[in-house]
Amino acid sequence: MDVVDIRFEIHSMCDAEVECRCEGEALTRIPQTLSVPLQRLTIASAGLPRLRNTGLKVYATTLLDIILTDLTQLETIQNGAFASLKLLRTIYISHAPKLTYLSKDVFQGISSTIKIM
């Protein structure tokens, strides 16, 4: 029997941002049922092969920051993946060695509130 190790942590304090950190190689899609209003989402050390253009839509009205790190299987970010995120201020992608190309359309419709990419 295979052991699946996916960890979810949700942090929230009064007047603070709701943050969720999801990690584990068995995580191959963006979770769609995390606490809302989710403001910061970190996906780390996951088996995510692609970020779909619908993957973040459920968090469109609240997500401020998306952090993608240590994603050794990430090869593709679909065009418009960040388009619905109207409050987005940060996109951080690091340690994704298979992600070698980003189309200019990946950032199509990106929020005007973006500060860091």
PDB file of N, CA and C in Angstrom:
ATOM      1  N   MET A   1       0.836  -1.178   0.000  1.00  0.00           N
ATOM      2  CA  MET A   1       0.000   0.000   0.000  1.00  0.00           C
ATOM      3  C   MET A   1       0.884   1.245   0.000  1.00  0.00           C
ATOM      4  N   ASP A   2       0.622   2.181  -0.937  1.00  0.00           N
ATOM      5  CA  ASP A   2       1.389   3.414  -1.012  1.00  0.00           C
ATOM      6  C   ASP A   2       0.953   4.381   0.078  1.00  0.00           C
ATOM      7  N   VAL A   3       1.914   5.080   0.607  1.00  0.00           N
ATOM      8  CA  VAL A   3       1.631   6.099   1.602  1.00  0.00           C
ATOM      9  C   VAL A   3       1.609   7.446   0.901  1.00  0.00           C
ATOM     10  N   VAL A   4       0.549   8.178   1.104  1.00  0.00           N
ATOM     11  CA  VAL A   4       0.423   9.502   0.515  1.00  0.00           C
ATOM     12  C   VAL A   4       0.675  10.524   1.609  1.00  0.00           C
ATOM     13  N   ASP A   5       1.628  11.410   1.358  1.00  0.00           N
ATOM     14  CA  ASP A   5       1.973  12.425   2.345  1.00  0.00           C
ATOM     15  C   ASP A   5       1.701  13.800   1.753  1.00  0.00           C
ATOM     16  N   ILE A   6       0.558  14.335   2.082  1.00  0.00           N
ATOM     17  CA  ILE A   6       0.217  15.694   1.676  1.00  0.00           C
ATOM     18  C   ILE A   6      -0.082  16.464   2.951  1.00  0.00           C
ATOM     19  N   ARG A   7       0.606  17.578   3.122  1.00  0.00           N
ATOM     20  CA  ARG A   7       0.407  18.390   4.316  1.00  0.00           C
ATOM     21  C   ARG A   7      -0.264  19.702   3.943  1.00  0.00           C
ATOM     22  N   PHE A   8      -1.243  20.074   4.729  1.00  0.00           N
ATOM     23  CA  PHE A   8      -1.904  21.361   4.576  1.00  0.00           C
ATOM     24  C   PHE A   8      -1.785  22.094   5.897  1.00  0.00           C
ATOM     25  N   GLU A   9      -1.342  23.316   5.858  1.00  0.00           N
ATOM     26  CA  GLU A   9      -1.291  24.146   7.052  1.00  0.00           C
ATOM     27  C   GLU A   9      -2.039  25.428   6.735  1.00  0.00           C
ATOM     28  N   ILE A  10      -2.908  25.824   7.614  1.00  0.00           N
ATOM     29  CA  ILE A  10      -3.617  27.083   7.439  1.00  0.00           C
ATOM     30  C   ILE A  10      -3.335  27.938   8.660  1.00  0.00           C
ATOM     31  N   HIS A  11      -2.875  29.151   8.413  1.00  0.00           N
ATOM     32  CA  HIS A  11      -2.535  30.071   9.488  1.00  0.00           C
ATOM     33  C   HIS A  11      -3.405  31.305   9.367  1.00  0.00           C
ATOM     34  N   SER A  12      -3.932  31.744  10.491  1.00  0.00           N
ATOM     35  CA  SER A  12      -4.729  32.962  10.488  1.00  0.00           C
ATOM     36  C   SER A  12      -4.670  33.594  11.864  1.00  0.00           C
ATOM     37  N   MET A  13      -4.563  34.892  11.880  1.00  0.00           N
ATOM     38  CA  MET A  13      -4.612  35.644  13.122  1.00  0.00           C
ATOM     39  C   MET A  13      -5.568  36.803  12.884  1.00  0.00           C
ATOM     40  N   CYS A  14      -6.125  37.332  13.947  1.00  0.00           N
ATOM     41  CA  CYS A  14      -7.019  38.477  13.796  1.00  0.00           C
ATOM     42  C   CYS A  14      -6.318  39.572  13.003  1.00  0.00           C
ATOM     43  N   ASP A  15      -7.015  40.158  12.078  1.00  0.00           N
ATOM     44  CA  ASP A  15      -6.491  41.232  11.231  1.00  0.00           C
ATOM     45  C   ASP A  15      -5.254  40.824  10.446  1.00  0.00           C
ATOM     46  N   ALA A  16      -5.006  39.549  10.302  1.00  0.00           N
ATOM     47  CA  ALA A  16      -3.860  39.077   9.525  1.00  0.00           C
ATOM     48  C   ALA A  16      -4.376  38.332   8.301  1.00  0.00           C
ATOM     49  N   GLU A  17      -3.457  37.990   7.426  1.00  0.00           N
ATOM     50  CA  GLU A  17      -3.827  37.281   6.215  1.00  0.00           C
ATOM     51  C   GLU A  17      -3.964  35.786   6.481  1.00  0.00           C
ATOM     52  N   VAL A  18      -4.907  35.151   5.807  1.00  0.00           N
ATOM     53  CA  VAL A  18      -5.064  33.705   5.883  1.00  0.00           C
ATOM     54  C   VAL A  18      -4.081  33.098   4.894  1.00  0.00           C
ATOM     55  N   GLU A  19      -3.230  32.225   5.416  1.00  0.00           N
ATOM     56  CA  GLU A  19      -2.171  31.621   4.616  1.00  0.00           C
ATOM     57  C   GLU A  19      -2.309  30.107   4.666  1.00  0.00           C
ATOM     58  N   CYS A  20      -2.090  29.472   3.537  1.00  0.00           N
ATOM     59  CA  CYS A  20      -2.103  28.016   3.481  1.00  0.00           C
ATOM     60  C   CYS A  20      -0.845  27.539   2.773  1.00  0.00           C
ATOM     61  N   ARG A  21      -0.193  26.553   3.370  1.00  0.00           N
ATOM     62  CA  ARG A  21       0.985  25.930   2.761  1.00  0.00           C
ATOM     63  C   ARG A  21       0.624  24.480   2.481  1.00  0.00           C
ATOM     64  N   CYS A  22       0.713  24.092   1.210  1.00  0.00           N
ATOM     65  CA  CYS A  22       0.397  22.730   0.793  1.00  0.00           C
ATOM     66  C   CYS A  22       1.672  22.109   0.245  1.00  0.00           C
ATOM     67  N   GLU A  23       1.979  20.901   0.705  1.00  0.00           N
ATOM     68  CA  GLU A  23       3.189  20.253   0.208  1.00  0.00           C
ATOM     69  C   GLU A  23       3.037  18.748   0.184  1.00  0.00           C
ATOM     70  N   GLY A  24       3.865  18.116  -0.627  1.00  0.00           N
ATOM     71  CA  GLY A  24       3.873  16.666  -0.745  1.00  0.00           C
ATOM     72  C   GLY A  24       3.843  16.241  -2.201  1.00  0.00           C
ATOM     73  N   GLU A  25       4.651  15.268  -2.546  1.00  0.00           N
ATOM     74  CA  GLU A  25       4.754  14.794  -3.934  1.00  0.00           C
ATOM     75  C   GLU A  25       3.426  14.303  -4.493  1.00  0.00           C
ATOM     76  N   ALA A  26       2.516  13.850  -3.641  1.00  0.00           N
ATOM     77  CA  ALA A  26       1.224  13.359  -4.120  1.00  0.00           C
ATOM     78  C   ALA A  26       0.289  14.497  -4.539  1.00  0.00           C
ATOM     79  N   LEU A  27       0.660  15.717  -4.227  1.00  0.00           N
ATOM     80  CA  LEU A  27      -0.144  16.877  -4.601  1.00  0.00           C
ATOM     81  C   LEU A  27       0.124  17.211  -6.067  1.00  0.00           C
ATOM     82  N   THR A  28      -0.829  16.888  -6.936  1.00  0.00           N
ATOM     83  CA  THR A  28      -0.640  17.078  -8.377  1.00  0.00           C
ATOM     84  C   THR A  28      -1.570  18.132  -8.975  1.00  0.00           C
ATOM     85  N   ARG A  29      -2.440  18.708  -8.154  1.00  0.00           N
ATOM     86  CA  ARG A  29      -3.340  19.789  -8.578  1.00  0.00           C
ATOM     87  C   ARG A  29      -3.477  20.783  -7.437  1.00  0.00           C
ATOM     88  N   ILE A  30      -3.861  21.993  -7.782  1.00  0.00           N
ATOM     89  CA  ILE A  30      -4.123  22.997  -6.756  1.00  0.00           C
ATOM     90  C   ILE A  30      -5.386  22.577  -6.005  1.00  0.00           C
ATOM     91  N   PRO A  31      -5.322  22.448  -4.679  1.00  0.00           N
ATOM     92  CA  PRO A  31      -6.520  22.090  -3.911  1.00  0.00           C
ATOM     93  C   PRO A  31      -7.620  23.138  -4.108  1.00  0.00           C
ATOM     94  N   GLN A  32      -8.843  22.676  -4.247  1.00  0.00           N
ATOM     95  CA  GLN A  32      -9.966  23.570  -4.526  1.00  0.00           C
ATOM     96  C   GLN A  32     -10.859  23.826  -3.318  1.00  0.00           C
ATOM     97  N   THR A  33     -10.544  23.223  -2.186  1.00  0.00           N
ATOM     98  CA  THR A  33     -11.435  23.328  -1.026  1.00  0.00           C
ATOM     99  C   THR A  33     -10.730  23.886   0.203  1.00  0.00           C
ATOM    100  N   LEU A  34      -9.763  24.745   0.006  1.00  0.00           N
ATOM    101  CA  LEU A  34      -9.068  25.362   1.131  1.00  0.00           C
ATOM    102  C   LEU A  34      -9.936  26.468   1.713  1.00  0.00           C
ATOM    103  N   SER A  35      -9.612  26.886   2.911  1.00  0.00           N
ATOM    104  CA  SER A  35     -10.380  27.941   3.574  1.00  0.00           C
ATOM    105  C   SER A  35     -10.430  29.204   2.733  1.00  0.00           C
ATOM    106  N   VAL A  36     -11.595  29.760   2.677  1.00  0.00           N
ATOM    107  CA  VAL A  36     -11.767  31.043   2.011  1.00  0.00           C
ATOM    108  C   VAL A  36     -12.198  32.012   3.099  1.00  0.00           C
ATOM    109  N   PRO A  37     -11.691  33.178   3.218  1.00  0.00           N
ATOM    110  CA  PRO A  37     -10.890  33.889   2.236  1.00  0.00           C
ATOM    111  C   PRO A  37      -9.400  33.591   2.377  1.00  0.00           C
ATOM    112  N   LEU A  38      -8.844  32.943   1.408  1.00  0.00           N
ATOM    113  CA  LEU A  38      -7.422  32.596   1.384  1.00  0.00           C
ATOM    114  C   LEU A  38      -6.657  33.725   0.709  1.00  0.00           C
ATOM    115  N   GLN A  39      -5.660  34.265   1.428  1.00  0.00           N
ATOM    116  CA  GLN A  39      -4.898  35.375   0.860  1.00  0.00           C
ATOM    117  C   GLN A  39      -3.514  34.984   0.370  1.00  0.00           C
ATOM    118  N   ARG A  40      -2.885  34.017   1.007  1.00  0.00           N
ATOM    119  CA  ARG A  40      -1.543  33.605   0.583  1.00  0.00           C
ATOM    120  C   ARG A  40      -1.531  32.085   0.441  1.00  0.00           C
ATOM    121  N   LEU A  41      -1.119  31.620  -0.732  1.00  0.00           N
ATOM    122  CA  LEU A  41      -1.050  30.187  -0.997  1.00  0.00           C
ATOM    123  C   LEU A  41       0.369  29.822  -1.390  1.00  0.00           C
ATOM    124  N   THR A  42       0.939  28.863  -0.648  1.00  0.00           N
ATOM    125  CA  THR A  42       2.260  28.334  -0.963  1.00  0.00           C
ATOM    126  C   THR A  42       2.101  26.874  -1.351  1.00  0.00           C
ATOM    127  N   ILE A  43       2.618  26.518  -2.511  1.00  0.00           N
ATOM    128  CA  ILE A  43       2.689  25.129  -2.954  1.00  0.00           C
ATOM    129  C   ILE A  43       4.169  24.792  -2.994  1.00  0.00           C
ATOM    130  N   ALA A  44       4.579  23.799  -2.188  1.00  0.00           N
ATOM    131  CA  ALA A  44       6.006  23.482  -2.066  1.00  0.00           C
ATOM    132  C   ALA A  44       6.234  21.981  -2.127  1.00  0.00           C
ATOM    133  N   SER A  45       7.339  21.602  -2.728  1.00  0.00           N
ATOM    134  CA  SER A  45       7.756  20.193  -2.783  1.00  0.00           C
ATOM    135  C   SER A  45       6.620  19.285  -3.229  1.00  0.00           C
ATOM    136  N   ALA A  46       5.854  19.738  -4.207  1.00  0.00           N
ATOM    137  CA  ALA A  46       4.692  18.990  -4.684  1.00  0.00           C
ATOM    138  C   ALA A  46       4.996  18.353  -6.039  1.00  0.00           C
ATOM    139  N   GLY A  47       4.161  17.400  -6.427  1.00  0.00           N
ATOM    140  CA  GLY A  47       4.311  16.712  -7.705  1.00  0.00           C
ATOM    141  C   GLY A  47       3.521  17.373  -8.820  1.00  0.00           C
ATOM    142  N   LEU A  48       3.183  18.633  -8.662  1.00  0.00           N
ATOM    143  CA  LEU A  48       2.378  19.394  -9.610  1.00  0.00           C
ATOM    144  C   LEU A  48       3.080  19.503 -10.967  1.00  0.00           C
ATOM    145  N   PRO A  49       2.538  18.869 -12.036  1.00  0.00           N
ATOM    146  CA  PRO A  49       3.193  18.930 -13.345  1.00  0.00           C
ATOM    147  C   PRO A  49       2.824  20.181 -14.145  1.00  0.00           C
ATOM    148  N   ARG A  50       1.639  20.756 -13.862  1.00  0.00           N
ATOM    149  CA  ARG A  50       1.197  21.945 -14.596  1.00  0.00           C
ATOM    150  C   ARG A  50       0.277  22.767 -13.708  1.00  0.00           C
ATOM    151  N   LEU A  51       0.329  24.066 -13.929  1.00  0.00           N
ATOM    152  CA  LEU A  51      -0.622  24.972 -13.292  1.00  0.00           C
ATOM    153  C   LEU A  51      -1.650  25.313 -14.354  1.00  0.00           C
ATOM    154  N   ARG A  52      -2.858  24.825 -14.154  1.00  0.00           N
ATOM    155  CA  ARG A  52      -3.930  25.001 -15.139  1.00  0.00           C
ATOM    156  C   ARG A  52      -4.509  26.418 -15.058  1.00  0.00           C
ATOM    157  N   ASN A  53      -5.106  26.851 -16.160  1.00  0.00           N
ATOM    158  CA  ASN A  53      -5.688  28.189 -16.166  1.00  0.00           C
ATOM    159  C   ASN A  53      -6.958  28.288 -15.327  1.00  0.00           C
ATOM    160  N   THR A  54      -7.438  27.170 -14.819  1.00  0.00           N
ATOM    161  CA  THR A  54      -8.603  27.174 -13.930  1.00  0.00           C
ATOM    162  C   THR A  54      -8.225  26.861 -12.481  1.00  0.00           C
ATOM    163  N   GLY A  55      -6.975  26.538 -12.238  1.00  0.00           N
ATOM    164  CA  GLY A  55      -6.550  26.055 -10.928  1.00  0.00           C
ATOM    165  C   GLY A  55      -6.704  27.020  -9.772  1.00  0.00           C
ATOM    166  N   LEU A  56      -6.608  28.312 -10.035  1.00  0.00           N
ATOM    167  CA  LEU A  56      -6.652  29.301  -8.958  1.00  0.00           C
ATOM    168  C   LEU A  56      -7.958  30.090  -8.924  1.00  0.00           C
ATOM    169  N   LYS A  57      -8.857  29.838  -9.848  1.00  0.00           N
ATOM    170  CA  LYS A  57     -10.087  30.636  -9.971  1.00  0.00           C
ATOM    171  C   LYS A  57     -10.944  30.637  -8.714  1.00  0.00           C
ATOM    172  N   VAL A  58     -10.954  29.551  -7.980  1.00  0.00           N
ATOM    173  CA  VAL A  58     -11.775  29.481  -6.773  1.00  0.00           C
ATOM    174  C   VAL A  58     -11.326  30.510  -5.725  1.00  0.00           C
ATOM    175  N   TYR A  59     -10.092  30.968  -5.835  1.00  0.00           N
ATOM    176  CA  TYR A  59      -9.543  31.948  -4.889  1.00  0.00           C
ATOM    177  C   TYR A  59      -9.432  33.338  -5.519  1.00  0.00           C
ATOM    178  N   ALA A  60     -10.129  33.562  -6.620  1.00  0.00           N
ATOM    179  CA  ALA A  60      -9.978  34.772  -7.436  1.00  0.00           C
ATOM    180  C   ALA A  60     -10.266  36.068  -6.690  1.00  0.00           C
ATOM    181  N   THR A  61     -11.182  36.052  -5.760  1.00  0.00           N
ATOM    182  CA  THR A  61     -11.575  37.305  -5.106  1.00  0.00           C
ATOM    183  C   THR A  61     -10.788  37.619  -3.844  1.00  0.00           C
ATOM    184  N   THR A  62      -9.910  36.707  -3.410  1.00  0.00           N
ATOM    185  CA  THR A  62      -9.195  36.950  -2.153  1.00  0.00           C
ATOM    186  C   THR A  62      -7.686  36.755  -2.226  1.00  0.00           C
ATOM    187  N   LEU A  63      -7.187  35.985  -3.189  1.00  0.00           N
ATOM    188  CA  LEU A  63      -5.767  35.632  -3.210  1.00  0.00           C
ATOM    189  C   LEU A  63      -4.891  36.846  -3.518  1.00  0.00           C
ATOM    190  N   LEU A  64      -3.920  37.082  -2.625  1.00  0.00           N
ATOM    191  CA  LEU A  64      -2.977  38.190  -2.778  1.00  0.00           C
ATOM    192  C   LEU A  64      -1.613  37.712  -3.249  1.00  0.00           C
ATOM    193  N   ASP A  65      -1.181  36.550  -2.748  1.00  0.00           N
ATOM    194  CA  ASP A  65       0.164  36.050  -3.030  1.00  0.00           C
ATOM    195  C   ASP A  65       0.113  34.569  -3.383  1.00  0.00           C
ATOM    196  N   ILE A  66       0.866  34.186  -4.416  1.00  0.00           N
ATOM    197  CA  ILE A  66       1.028  32.779  -4.779  1.00  0.00           C
ATOM    198  C   ILE A  66       2.519  32.483  -4.816  1.00  0.00           C
ATOM    199  N   ILE A  67       2.920  31.464  -4.057  1.00  0.00           N
ATOM    200  CA  ILE A  67       4.320  31.056  -3.979  1.00  0.00           C
ATOM    201  C   ILE A  67       4.404  29.613  -4.450  1.00  0.00           C
ATOM    202  N   LEU A  68       5.190  29.370  -5.485  1.00  0.00           N
ATOM    203  CA  LEU A  68       5.408  28.033  -6.038  1.00  0.00           C
ATOM    204  C   LEU A  68       6.891  27.740  -5.894  1.00  0.00           C
ATOM    205  N   THR A  69       7.244  26.779  -5.045  1.00  0.00           N
ATOM    206  CA  THR A  69       8.659  26.537  -4.786  1.00  0.00           C
ATOM    207  C   THR A  69       8.968  25.051  -4.660  1.00  0.00           C
ATOM    208  N   ASP A  70      10.157  24.699  -5.096  1.00  0.00           N
ATOM    209  CA  ASP A  70      10.626  23.311  -5.036  1.00  0.00           C
ATOM    210  C   ASP A  70       9.668  22.360  -5.755  1.00  0.00           C
ATOM    211  N   LEU A  71       9.270  22.745  -6.953  1.00  0.00           N
ATOM    212  CA  LEU A  71       8.344  21.948  -7.767  1.00  0.00           C
ATOM    213  C   LEU A  71       9.125  21.291  -8.895  1.00  0.00           C
ATOM    214  N   THR A  72       9.731  20.168  -8.595  1.00  0.00           N
ATOM    215  CA  THR A  72      10.620  19.500  -9.549  1.00  0.00           C
ATOM    216  C   THR A  72       9.882  18.912 -10.747  1.00  0.00           C
ATOM    217  N   GLN A  73       8.562  18.742 -10.653  1.00  0.00           N
ATOM    218  CA  GLN A  73       7.784  18.182 -11.761  1.00  0.00           C
ATOM    219  C   GLN A  73       7.062  19.245 -12.588  1.00  0.00           C
ATOM    220  N   LEU A  74       7.067  20.497 -12.153  1.00  0.00           N
ATOM    221  CA  LEU A  74       6.336  21.550 -12.861  1.00  0.00           C
ATOM    222  C   LEU A  74       6.983  21.842 -14.211  1.00  0.00           C
ATOM    223  N   GLU A  75       6.223  21.602 -15.283  1.00  0.00           N
ATOM    224  CA  GLU A  75       6.713  21.825 -16.646  1.00  0.00           C
ATOM    225  C   GLU A  75       5.984  22.953 -17.358  1.00  0.00           C
ATOM    226  N   THR A  76       4.724  23.192 -16.983  1.00  0.00           N
ATOM    227  CA  THR A  76       3.878  24.111 -17.738  1.00  0.00           C
ATOM    228  C   THR A  76       3.024  24.970 -16.817  1.00  0.00           C
ATOM    229  N   ILE A  77       2.919  26.228 -17.176  1.00  0.00           N
ATOM    230  CA  ILE A  77       1.908  27.106 -16.594  1.00  0.00           C
ATOM    231  C   ILE A  77       1.041  27.543 -17.765  1.00  0.00           C
ATOM    232  N   GLN A  78      -0.228  27.173 -17.725  1.00  0.00           N
ATOM    233  CA  GLN A  78      -1.114  27.450 -18.852  1.00  0.00           C
ATOM    234  C   GLN A  78      -1.370  28.947 -19.003  1.00  0.00           C
ATOM    235  N   ASN A  79      -1.589  29.359 -20.244  1.00  0.00           N
ATOM    236  CA  ASN A  79      -1.909  30.755 -20.535  1.00  0.00           C
ATOM    237  C   ASN A  79      -3.109  31.207 -19.713  1.00  0.00           C
ATOM    238  N   GLY A  80      -3.013  32.394 -19.134  1.00  0.00           N
ATOM    239  CA  GLY A  80      -4.117  32.941 -18.355  1.00  0.00           C
ATOM    240  C   GLY A  80      -4.259  32.353 -16.965  1.00  0.00           C
ATOM    241  N   ALA A  81      -3.265  31.621 -16.489  1.00  0.00           N
ATOM    242  CA  ALA A  81      -3.364  30.970 -15.179  1.00  0.00           C
ATOM    243  C   ALA A  81      -3.609  31.961 -14.040  1.00  0.00           C
ATOM    244  N   PHE A  82      -3.167  33.204 -14.207  1.00  0.00           N
ATOM    245  CA  PHE A  82      -3.307  34.205 -13.151  1.00  0.00           C
ATOM    246  C   PHE A  82      -4.363  35.262 -13.488  1.00  0.00           C
ATOM    247  N   ALA A  83      -5.060  35.099 -14.603  1.00  0.00           N
ATOM    248  CA  ALA A  83      -5.956  36.131 -15.135  1.00  0.00           C
ATOM    249  C   ALA A  83      -7.112  36.497 -14.216  1.00  0.00           C
ATOM    250  N   SER A  84      -7.652  35.554 -13.510  1.00  0.00           N
ATOM    251  CA  SER A  84      -8.843  35.830 -12.702  1.00  0.00           C
ATOM    252  C   SER A  84      -8.518  36.418 -11.329  1.00  0.00           C
ATOM    253  N   LEU A  85      -7.253  36.534 -11.004  1.00  0.00           N
ATOM    254  CA  LEU A  85      -6.839  36.953  -9.659  1.00  0.00           C
ATOM    255  C   LEU A  85      -6.727  38.471  -9.585  1.00  0.00           C
ATOM    256  N   LYS A  86      -7.825  39.120  -9.292  1.00  0.00           N
ATOM    257  CA  LYS A  86      -7.924  40.577  -9.369  1.00  0.00           C
ATOM    258  C   LYS A  86      -7.145  41.316  -8.288  1.00  0.00           C
ATOM    259  N   LEU A  87      -6.832  40.671  -7.174  1.00  0.00           N
ATOM    260  CA  LEU A  87      -6.104  41.330  -6.084  1.00  0.00           C
ATOM    261  C   LEU A  87      -4.645  40.902  -5.998  1.00  0.00           C
ATOM    262  N   LEU A  88      -4.214  40.060  -6.905  1.00  0.00           N
ATOM    263  CA  LEU A  88      -2.877  39.476  -6.828  1.00  0.00           C
ATOM    264  C   LEU A  88      -1.787  40.543  -6.800  1.00  0.00           C
ATOM    265  N   ARG A  89      -0.867  40.401  -5.840  1.00  0.00           N
ATOM    266  CA  ARG A  89       0.241  41.346  -5.737  1.00  0.00           C
ATOM    267  C   ARG A  89       1.595  40.664  -5.904  1.00  0.00           C
ATOM    268  N   THR A  90       1.646  39.324  -5.682  1.00  0.00           N
ATOM    269  CA  THR A  90       2.919  38.613  -5.769  1.00  0.00           C
ATOM    270  C   THR A  90       2.755  37.271  -6.471  1.00  0.00           C
ATOM    271  N   ILE A  91       3.648  37.009  -7.430  1.00  0.00           N
ATOM    272  CA  ILE A  91       3.822  35.674  -8.008  1.00  0.00           C
ATOM    273  C   ILE A  91       5.287  35.336  -7.799  1.00  0.00           C
ATOM    274  N   TYR A  92       5.551  34.273  -7.041  1.00  0.00           N
ATOM    275  CA  TYR A  92       6.931  33.867  -6.778  1.00  0.00           C
ATOM    276  C   TYR A  92       7.085  32.417  -7.221  1.00  0.00           C
ATOM    277  N   ILE A  93       7.987  32.174  -8.146  1.00  0.00           N
ATOM    278  CA  ILE A  93       8.253  30.819  -8.644  1.00  0.00           C
ATOM    279  C   ILE A  93       9.742  30.567  -8.498  1.00  0.00           C
ATOM    280  N   SER A  94      10.103  29.503  -7.771  1.00  0.00           N
ATOM    281  CA  SER A  94      11.528  29.172  -7.637  1.00  0.00           C
ATOM    282  C   SER A  94      11.719  27.665  -7.591  1.00  0.00           C
ATOM    283  N   HIS A  95      12.889  27.253  -8.006  1.00  0.00           N
ATOM    284  CA  HIS A  95      13.283  25.842  -7.985  1.00  0.00           C
ATOM    285  C   HIS A  95      12.271  24.953  -8.710  1.00  0.00           C
ATOM    286  N   ALA A  96      12.033  25.311  -9.970  1.00  0.00           N
ATOM    287  CA  ALA A  96      11.169  24.528 -10.856  1.00  0.00           C
ATOM    288  C   ALA A  96      11.987  24.226 -12.112  1.00  0.00           C
ATOM    289  N   PRO A  97      12.920  23.272 -12.023  1.00  0.00           N
ATOM    290  CA  PRO A  97      13.897  23.058 -13.096  1.00  0.00           C
ATOM    291  C   PRO A  97      13.308  22.623 -14.438  1.00  0.00           C
ATOM    292  N   LYS A  98      12.135  22.018 -14.455  1.00  0.00           N
ATOM    293  CA  LYS A  98      11.528  21.587 -15.724  1.00  0.00           C
ATOM    294  C   LYS A  98      10.720  22.698 -16.391  1.00  0.00           C
ATOM    295  N   LEU A  99      10.507  23.779 -15.671  1.00  0.00           N
ATOM    296  CA  LEU A  99       9.787  24.924 -16.225  1.00  0.00           C
ATOM    297  C   LEU A  99      10.805  25.811 -16.936  1.00  0.00           C
ATOM    298  N   THR A 100      10.958  25.582 -18.229  1.00  0.00           N
ATOM    299  CA  THR A 100      12.016  26.261 -18.979  1.00  0.00           C
ATOM    300  C   THR A 100      11.500  27.375 -19.881  1.00  0.00           C
ATOM    301  N   TYR A 101      10.184  27.491 -20.027  1.00  0.00           N
ATOM    302  CA  TYR A 101       9.622  28.498 -20.922  1.00  0.00           C
ATOM    303  C   TYR A 101       8.286  28.979 -20.374  1.00  0.00           C
ATOM    304  N   LEU A 102       8.083  30.287 -20.412  1.00  0.00           N
ATOM    305  CA  LEU A 102       6.793  30.873 -20.064  1.00  0.00           C
ATOM    306  C   LEU A 102       6.327  31.724 -21.239  1.00  0.00           C
ATOM    307  N   SER A 103       5.170  31.411 -21.758  1.00  0.00           N
ATOM    308  CA  SER A 103       4.576  32.219 -22.815  1.00  0.00           C
ATOM    309  C   SER A 103       4.189  33.576 -22.234  1.00  0.00           C
ATOM    310  N   LYS A 104       4.233  34.621 -23.041  1.00  0.00           N
ATOM    311  CA  LYS A 104       3.793  35.937 -22.570  1.00  0.00           C
ATOM    312  C   LYS A 104       2.318  35.904 -22.177  1.00  0.00           C
ATOM    313  N   ASP A 105       1.560  34.961 -22.732  1.00  0.00           N
ATOM    314  CA  ASP A 105       0.140  34.846 -22.425  1.00  0.00           C
ATOM    315  C   ASP A 105      -0.139  34.210 -21.065  1.00  0.00           C
ATOM    316  N   VAL A 106       0.888  33.666 -20.433  1.00  0.00           N
ATOM    317  CA  VAL A 106       0.721  33.146 -19.069  1.00  0.00           C
ATOM    318  C   VAL A 106       0.224  34.269 -18.167  1.00  0.00           C
ATOM    319  N   PHE A 107       0.694  35.481 -18.421  1.00  0.00           N
ATOM    320  CA  PHE A 107       0.350  36.627 -17.581  1.00  0.00           C
ATOM    321  C   PHE A 107      -0.767  37.482 -18.180  1.00  0.00           C
ATOM    322  N   GLN A 108      -1.442  36.947 -19.179  1.00  0.00           N
ATOM    323  CA  GLN A 108      -2.568  37.625 -19.819  1.00  0.00           C
ATOM    324  C   GLN A 108      -3.645  37.928 -18.775  1.00  0.00           C
ATOM    325  N   GLY A 109      -4.128  39.148 -18.755  1.00  0.00           N
ATOM    326  CA  GLY A 109      -5.199  39.521 -17.838  1.00  0.00           C
ATOM    327  C   GLY A 109      -4.766  39.646 -16.401  1.00  0.00           C
ATOM    328  N   ILE A 110      -3.464  39.738 -16.170  1.00  0.00           N
ATOM    329  CA  ILE A 110      -2.955  39.795 -14.806  1.00  0.00           C
ATOM    330  C   ILE A 110      -3.429  41.072 -14.109  1.00  0.00           C
ATOM    331  N   SER A 111      -3.569  40.975 -12.826  1.00  0.00           N
ATOM    332  CA  SER A 111      -4.050  42.072 -12.002  1.00  0.00           C
ATOM    333  C   SER A 111      -3.164  43.309 -12.113  1.00  0.00           C
ATOM    334  N   SER A 112      -3.771  44.465 -12.052  1.00  0.00           N
ATOM    335  CA  SER A 112      -3.000  45.715 -12.050  1.00  0.00           C
ATOM    336  C   SER A 112      -2.377  45.977 -10.684  1.00  0.00           C
ATOM    337  N   THR A 113      -2.727  45.171  -9.693  1.00  0.00           N
ATOM    338  CA  THR A 113      -2.167  45.330  -8.347  1.00  0.00           C
ATOM    339  C   THR A 113      -0.863  44.561  -8.164  1.00  0.00           C
ATOM    340  N   ILE A 114      -0.390  43.884  -9.213  1.00  0.00           N
ATOM    341  CA  ILE A 114       0.823  43.067  -9.098  1.00  0.00           C
ATOM    342  C   ILE A 114       2.016  43.954  -8.736  1.00  0.00           C
ATOM    343  N   LYS A 115       2.779  43.511  -7.748  1.00  0.00           N
ATOM    344  CA  LYS A 115       3.950  44.255  -7.286  1.00  0.00           C
ATOM    345  C   LYS A 115       5.241  43.492  -7.535  1.00  0.00           C
ATOM    346  N   ILE A 116       5.212  42.171  -7.333  1.00  0.00           N
ATOM    347  CA  ILE A 116       6.422  41.355  -7.431  1.00  0.00           C
ATOM    348  C   ILE A 116       6.129  40.154  -8.309  1.00  0.00           C
ATOM    349  N   MET A 117       7.057  39.889  -9.234  1.00  0.00           N
ATOM    350  CA  MET A 117       6.946  38.700 -10.081  1.00  0.00           C
ATOM    351  C   MET A 117       8.242  37.949 -10.049  1.00  0.00           C
TER     352      MET A 117
END
